[in-house]
Amino acid sequence: MFFATLYSQGKKQVTHLHLKIVNVLLKLIKQEQAVNEITMIQYAAGQCRVKRRRKYREIDKD
């Protein structure tokens, strides 16, 4: 869903997607997925989650 939304927004702004833009987007998505997977594996292995900074916790409460 995220990629489809991102694609449609990009499609509206440019007449055609350049191969370089697509490669950069895919690279960023893969990096984000890798970070999420590592976090989930560490949490499943028993490691405690890192607490977020106080100001971000307060922002999320609102």
PDB file of N, CA and C in Angstrom:
ATOM      1  N   MET A   1       0.817  -1.183   0.000  1.00  0.00           N
ATOM      2  CA  MET A   1       0.000   0.000   0.000  1.00  0.00           C
ATOM      3  C   MET A   1       0.866   1.252   0.000  1.00  0.00           C
ATOM      4  N   PHE A   2       1.907   1.248   0.867  1.00  0.00           N
ATOM      5  CA  PHE A   2       2.792   2.400   0.953  1.00  0.00           C
ATOM      6  C   PHE A   2       3.463   2.669  -0.389  1.00  0.00           C
ATOM      7  N   PHE A   3       3.976   1.596  -0.996  1.00  0.00           N
ATOM      8  CA  PHE A   3       4.687   1.777  -2.260  1.00  0.00           C
ATOM      9  C   PHE A   3       3.741   2.246  -3.360  1.00  0.00           C
ATOM     10  N   ALA A   4       2.511   1.754  -3.357  1.00  0.00           N
ATOM     11  CA  ALA A   4       1.543   2.166  -4.368  1.00  0.00           C
ATOM     12  C   ALA A   4       1.211   3.644  -4.225  1.00  0.00           C
ATOM     13  N   THR A   5       1.059   4.111  -2.992  1.00  0.00           N
ATOM     14  CA  THR A   5       0.789   5.529  -2.751  1.00  0.00           C
ATOM     15  C   THR A   5       1.968   6.375  -3.189  1.00  0.00           C
ATOM     16  N   LEU A   6       3.166   5.926  -2.814  1.00  0.00           N
ATOM     17  CA  LEU A   6       4.368   6.655  -3.183  1.00  0.00           C
ATOM     18  C   LEU A   6       4.524   6.698  -4.702  1.00  0.00           C
ATOM     19  N   TYR A   7       4.231   5.597  -5.351  1.00  0.00           N
ATOM     20  CA  TYR A   7       4.333   5.522  -6.801  1.00  0.00           C
ATOM     21  C   TYR A   7       3.343   6.476  -7.464  1.00  0.00           C
ATOM     22  N   SER A   8       2.115   6.498  -6.983  1.00  0.00           N
ATOM     23  CA  SER A   8       1.110   7.353  -7.604  1.00  0.00           C
ATOM     24  C   SER A   8       1.434   8.832  -7.407  1.00  0.00           C
ATOM     25  N   GLN A   9       1.984   9.171  -6.241  1.00  0.00           N
ATOM     26  CA  GLN A   9       2.385  10.557  -6.007  1.00  0.00           C
ATOM     27  C   GLN A   9       3.522  10.952  -6.947  1.00  0.00           C
ATOM     28  N   GLY A  10       4.474  10.045  -7.105  1.00  0.00           N
ATOM     29  CA  GLY A  10       5.586  10.325  -8.006  1.00  0.00           C
ATOM     30  C   GLY A  10       5.132  10.397  -9.449  1.00  0.00           C
ATOM     31  N   LYS A  11       4.176   9.578  -9.799  1.00  0.00           N
ATOM     32  CA  LYS A  11       3.661   9.554 -11.167  1.00  0.00           C
ATOM     33  C   LYS A  11       2.957  10.854 -11.511  1.00  0.00           C
ATOM     34  N   LYS A  12       2.288  11.452 -10.535  1.00  0.00           N
ATOM     35  CA  LYS A  12       1.612  12.718 -10.769  1.00  0.00           C
ATOM     36  C   LYS A  12       2.609  13.854 -10.978  1.00  0.00           C
ATOM     37  N   GLN A  13       3.777  13.755 -10.346  1.00  0.00           N
ATOM     38  CA  GLN A  13       4.755  14.834 -10.423  1.00  0.00           C
ATOM     39  C   GLN A  13       5.640  14.756 -11.658  1.00  0.00           C
ATOM     40  N   VAL A  14       5.913  13.592 -12.124  1.00  0.00           N
ATOM     41  CA  VAL A  14       6.734  13.438 -13.326  1.00  0.00           C
ATOM     42  C   VAL A  14       5.974  12.612 -14.360  1.00  0.00           C
ATOM     43  N   THR A  15       6.303  12.860 -15.623  1.00  0.00           N
ATOM     44  CA  THR A  15       5.588  12.132 -16.666  1.00  0.00           C
ATOM     45  C   THR A  15       6.023  10.676 -16.737  1.00  0.00           C
ATOM     46  N   HIS A  16       7.274  10.392 -16.376  1.00  0.00           N
ATOM     47  CA  HIS A  16       7.729   9.010 -16.317  1.00  0.00           C
ATOM     48  C   HIS A  16       8.773   8.881 -15.209  1.00  0.00           C
ATOM     49  N   LEU A  17       8.795   7.730 -14.558  1.00  0.00           N
ATOM     50  CA  LEU A  17       9.741   7.497 -13.481  1.00  0.00           C
ATOM     51  C   LEU A  17      11.095   7.117 -14.060  1.00  0.00           C
ATOM     52  N   HIS A  18      12.104   7.753 -13.577  1.00  0.00           N
ATOM     53  CA  HIS A  18      13.451   7.431 -14.016  1.00  0.00           C
ATOM     54  C   HIS A  18      13.915   6.191 -13.268  1.00  0.00           C
ATOM     55  N   LEU A  19      14.734   5.408 -13.921  1.00  0.00           N
ATOM     56  CA  LEU A  19      15.222   4.171 -13.325  1.00  0.00           C
ATOM     57  C   LEU A  19      16.010   4.462 -12.052  1.00  0.00           C
ATOM     58  N   LYS A  20      16.751   5.544 -12.029  1.00  0.00           N
ATOM     59  CA  LYS A  20      17.553   5.892 -10.859  1.00  0.00           C
ATOM     60  C   LYS A  20      16.657   6.184  -9.659  1.00  0.00           C
ATOM     61  N   ILE A  21      15.557   6.872  -9.869  1.00  0.00           N
ATOM     62  CA  ILE A  21      14.632   7.190  -8.782  1.00  0.00           C
ATOM     63  C   ILE A  21      14.038   5.907  -8.205  1.00  0.00           C
ATOM     64  N   VAL A  22      13.656   5.008  -9.059  1.00  0.00           N
ATOM     65  CA  VAL A  22      13.074   3.740  -8.615  1.00  0.00           C
ATOM     66  C   VAL A  22      14.107   2.947  -7.818  1.00  0.00           C
ATOM     67  N   ASN A  23      15.348   2.912  -8.288  1.00  0.00           N
ATOM     68  CA  ASN A  23      16.394   2.181  -7.577  1.00  0.00           C
ATOM     69  C   ASN A  23      16.651   2.777  -6.202  1.00  0.00           C
ATOM     70  N   VAL A  24      16.645   4.088  -6.094  1.00  0.00           N
ATOM     71  CA  VAL A  24      16.854   4.740  -4.802  1.00  0.00           C
ATOM     72  C   VAL A  24      15.700   4.419  -3.860  1.00  0.00           C
ATOM     73  N   LEU A  25      14.478   4.475  -4.356  1.00  0.00           N
ATOM     74  CA  LEU A  25      13.316   4.165  -3.530  1.00  0.00           C
ATOM     75  C   LEU A  25      13.353   2.719  -3.033  1.00  0.00           C
ATOM     76  N   LEU A  26      13.700   1.807  -3.920  1.00  0.00           N
ATOM     77  CA  LEU A  26      13.779   0.403  -3.527  1.00  0.00           C
ATOM     78  C   LEU A  26      14.874   0.174  -2.490  1.00  0.00           C
ATOM     79  N   LYS A  27      15.995   0.861  -2.655  1.00  0.00           N
ATOM     80  CA  LYS A  27      17.091   0.738  -1.700  1.00  0.00           C
ATOM     81  C   LYS A  27      16.656   1.230  -0.321  1.00  0.00           C
ATOM     82  N   LEU A  28      15.946   2.363  -0.264  1.00  0.00           N
ATOM     83  CA  LEU A  28      15.471   2.893   1.006  1.00  0.00           C
ATOM     84  C   LEU A  28      14.454   1.959   1.662  1.00  0.00           C
ATOM     85  N   ILE A  29      13.573   1.393   0.873  1.00  0.00           N
ATOM     86  CA  ILE A  29      12.569   0.471   1.410  1.00  0.00           C
ATOM     87  C   ILE A  29      13.245  -0.784   1.957  1.00  0.00           C
ATOM     88  N   LYS A  30      14.251  -1.296   1.252  1.00  0.00           N
ATOM     89  CA  LYS A  30      14.964  -2.484   1.718  1.00  0.00           C
ATOM     90  C   LYS A  30      15.709  -2.205   3.018  1.00  0.00           C
ATOM     91  N   GLN A  31      16.310  -1.014   3.137  1.00  0.00           N
ATOM     92  CA  GLN A  31      17.011  -0.654   4.362  1.00  0.00           C
ATOM     93  C   GLN A  31      16.043  -0.565   5.533  1.00  0.00           C
ATOM     94  N   GLU A  32      14.902   0.044   5.318  1.00  0.00           N
ATOM     95  CA  GLU A  32      13.895   0.170   6.367  1.00  0.00           C
ATOM     96  C   GLU A  32      13.397  -1.200   6.794  1.00  0.00           C
ATOM     97  N   GLN A  33      13.187  -2.088   5.840  1.00  0.00           N
ATOM     98  CA  GLN A  33      12.734  -3.438   6.149  1.00  0.00           C
ATOM     99  C   GLN A  33      13.794  -4.188   6.950  1.00  0.00           C
ATOM    100  N   ALA A  34      15.065  -4.039   6.592  1.00  0.00           N
ATOM    101  CA  ALA A  34      16.145  -4.713   7.308  1.00  0.00           C
ATOM    102  C   ALA A  34      16.214  -4.245   8.758  1.00  0.00           C
ATOM    103  N   VAL A  35      16.074  -2.947   8.980  1.00  0.00           N
ATOM    104  CA  VAL A  35      16.099  -2.411  10.349  1.00  0.00           C
ATOM    105  C   VAL A  35      14.939  -2.973  11.157  1.00  0.00           C
ATOM    106  N   ASN A  36      13.758  -3.021  10.563  1.00  0.00           N
ATOM    107  CA  ASN A  36      12.588  -3.554  11.264  1.00  0.00           C
ATOM    108  C   ASN A  36      12.756  -5.031  11.583  1.00  0.00           C
ATOM    109  N   GLU A  37      13.313  -5.802  10.655  1.00  0.00           N
ATOM    110  CA  GLU A  37      13.506  -7.228  10.885  1.00  0.00           C
ATOM    111  C   GLU A  37      14.516  -7.476  11.998  1.00  0.00           C
ATOM    112  N   ILE A  38      15.599  -6.697  12.013  1.00  0.00           N
ATOM    113  CA  ILE A  38      16.609  -6.853  13.054  1.00  0.00           C
ATOM    114  C   ILE A  38      16.015  -6.549  14.422  1.00  0.00           C
ATOM    115  N   THR A  39      15.228  -5.487  14.484  1.00  0.00           N
ATOM    116  CA  THR A  39      14.582  -5.119  15.745  1.00  0.00           C
ATOM    117  C   THR A  39      13.668  -6.223  16.233  1.00  0.00           C
ATOM    118  N   MET A  40      12.892  -6.810  15.329  1.00  0.00           N
ATOM    119  CA  MET A  40      11.964  -7.885  15.708  1.00  0.00           C
ATOM    120  C   MET A  40      12.717  -9.135  16.159  1.00  0.00           C
ATOM    121  N   ILE A  41      13.820  -9.460  15.495  1.00  0.00           N
ATOM    122  CA  ILE A  41      14.616 -10.631  15.870  1.00  0.00           C
ATOM    123  C   ILE A  41      15.228 -10.432  17.247  1.00  0.00           C
ATOM    124  N   GLN A  42      15.764  -9.241  17.511  1.00  0.00           N
ATOM    125  CA  GLN A  42      16.362  -8.967  18.808  1.00  0.00           C
ATOM    126  C   GLN A  42      15.319  -9.004  19.916  1.00  0.00           C
ATOM    127  N   TYR A  43      14.136  -8.486  19.649  1.00  0.00           N
ATOM    128  CA  TYR A  43      13.066  -8.492  20.645  1.00  0.00           C
ATOM    129  C   TYR A  43      12.609  -9.925  20.922  1.00  0.00           C
ATOM    130  N   ALA A  44      12.536 -10.741  19.888  1.00  0.00           N
ATOM    131  CA  ALA A  44      12.128 -12.135  20.061  1.00  0.00           C
ATOM    132  C   ALA A  44      13.179 -12.927  20.834  1.00  0.00           C
ATOM    133  N   ALA A  45      14.446 -12.504  20.743  1.00  0.00           N
ATOM    134  CA  ALA A  45      15.522 -13.197  21.450  1.00  0.00           C
ATOM    135  C   ALA A  45      15.593 -12.800  22.918  1.00  0.00           C
ATOM    136  N   GLY A  46      14.765 -11.843  23.348  1.00  0.00           N
ATOM    137  CA  GLY A  46      14.715 -11.486  24.754  1.00  0.00           C
ATOM    138  C   GLY A  46      15.305 -10.132  25.095  1.00  0.00           C
ATOM    139  N   GLN A  47      15.788  -9.438  24.131  1.00  0.00           N
ATOM    140  CA  GLN A  47      16.363  -8.128  24.401  1.00  0.00           C
ATOM    141  C   GLN A  47      15.244  -7.108  24.640  1.00  0.00           C
ATOM    142  N   CYS A  48      15.462  -6.200  25.575  1.00  0.00           N
ATOM    143  CA  CYS A  48      14.472  -5.168  25.870  1.00  0.00           C
ATOM    144  C   CYS A  48      14.478  -4.130  24.761  1.00  0.00           C
ATOM    145  N   ARG A  49      13.321  -3.563  24.539  1.00  0.00           N
ATOM    146  CA  ARG A  49      13.243  -2.497  23.550  1.00  0.00           C
ATOM    147  C   ARG A  49      13.899  -1.240  24.096  1.00  0.00           C
ATOM    148  N   VAL A  50      14.514  -0.485  23.218  1.00  0.00           N
ATOM    149  CA  VAL A  50      15.141   0.764  23.614  1.00  0.00           C
ATOM    150  C   VAL A  50      14.045   1.792  23.824  1.00  0.00           C
ATOM    151  N   LYS A  51      14.086   2.471  24.965  1.00  0.00           N
ATOM    152  CA  LYS A  51      13.073   3.475  25.237  1.00  0.00           C
ATOM    153  C   LYS A  51      13.306   4.678  24.340  1.00  0.00           C
ATOM    154  N   ARG A  52      12.225   5.238  23.884  1.00  0.00           N
ATOM    155  CA  ARG A  52      12.326   6.420  23.046  1.00  0.00           C
ATOM    156  C   ARG A  52      12.660   7.621  23.898  1.00  0.00           C
ATOM    157  N   ARG A  53      13.205   8.642  23.286  1.00  0.00           N
ATOM    158  CA  ARG A  53      13.511   9.860  24.022  1.00  0.00           C
ATOM    159  C   ARG A  53      12.222  10.465  24.559  1.00  0.00           C
ATOM    160  N   ARG A  54      12.338  11.117  25.681  1.00  0.00           N
ATOM    161  CA  ARG A  54      11.167  11.625  26.384  1.00  0.00           C
ATOM    162  C   ARG A  54      10.314  12.549  25.524  1.00  0.00           C
ATOM    163  N   LYS A  55      10.962  13.427  24.775  1.00  0.00           N
ATOM    164  CA  LYS A  55      10.180  14.377  23.979  1.00  0.00           C
ATOM    165  C   LYS A  55       9.364  13.665  22.896  1.00  0.00           C
ATOM    166  N   TYR A  56       9.878  12.566  22.342  1.00  0.00           N
ATOM    167  CA  TYR A  56       9.122  11.836  21.323  1.00  0.00           C
ATOM    168  C   TYR A  56       7.976  11.032  21.942  1.00  0.00           C
ATOM    169  N   ARG A  57       8.190  10.523  23.160  1.00  0.00           N
ATOM    170  CA  ARG A  57       7.102   9.819  23.844  1.00  0.00           C
ATOM    171  C   ARG A  57       5.961  10.774  24.130  1.00  0.00           C
ATOM    172  N   GLU A  58       6.288  12.002  24.517  1.00  0.00           N
ATOM    173  CA  GLU A  58       5.258  12.989  24.808  1.00  0.00           C
ATOM    174  C   GLU A  58       4.516  13.412  23.543  1.00  0.00           C
ATOM    175  N   ILE A  59       5.230  13.488  22.434  1.00  0.00           N
ATOM    176  CA  ILE A  59       4.592  13.847  21.161  1.00  0.00           C
ATOM    177  C   ILE A  59       3.615  12.750  20.746  1.00  0.00           C
ATOM    178  N   ASP A  60       4.005  11.480  20.922  1.00  0.00           N
ATOM    179  CA  ASP A  60       3.150  10.368  20.534  1.00  0.00           C
ATOM    180  C   ASP A  60       1.889  10.269  21.377  1.00  0.00           C
ATOM    181  N   LYS A  61       1.949  10.753  22.620  1.00  0.00           N
ATOM    182  CA  LYS A  61       0.775  10.705  23.486  1.00  0.00           C
ATOM    183  C   LYS A  61      -0.351  11.618  22.975  1.00  0.00           C
ATOM    184  N   ASP A  62       0.025  12.692  22.332  1.00  0.00           N
ATOM    185  CA  ASP A  62      -0.976  13.673  21.856  1.00  0.00           C
ATOM    186  C   ASP A  62      -1.759  13.194  20.700  1.00  0.00           C
TER     187      ASP A  62
END
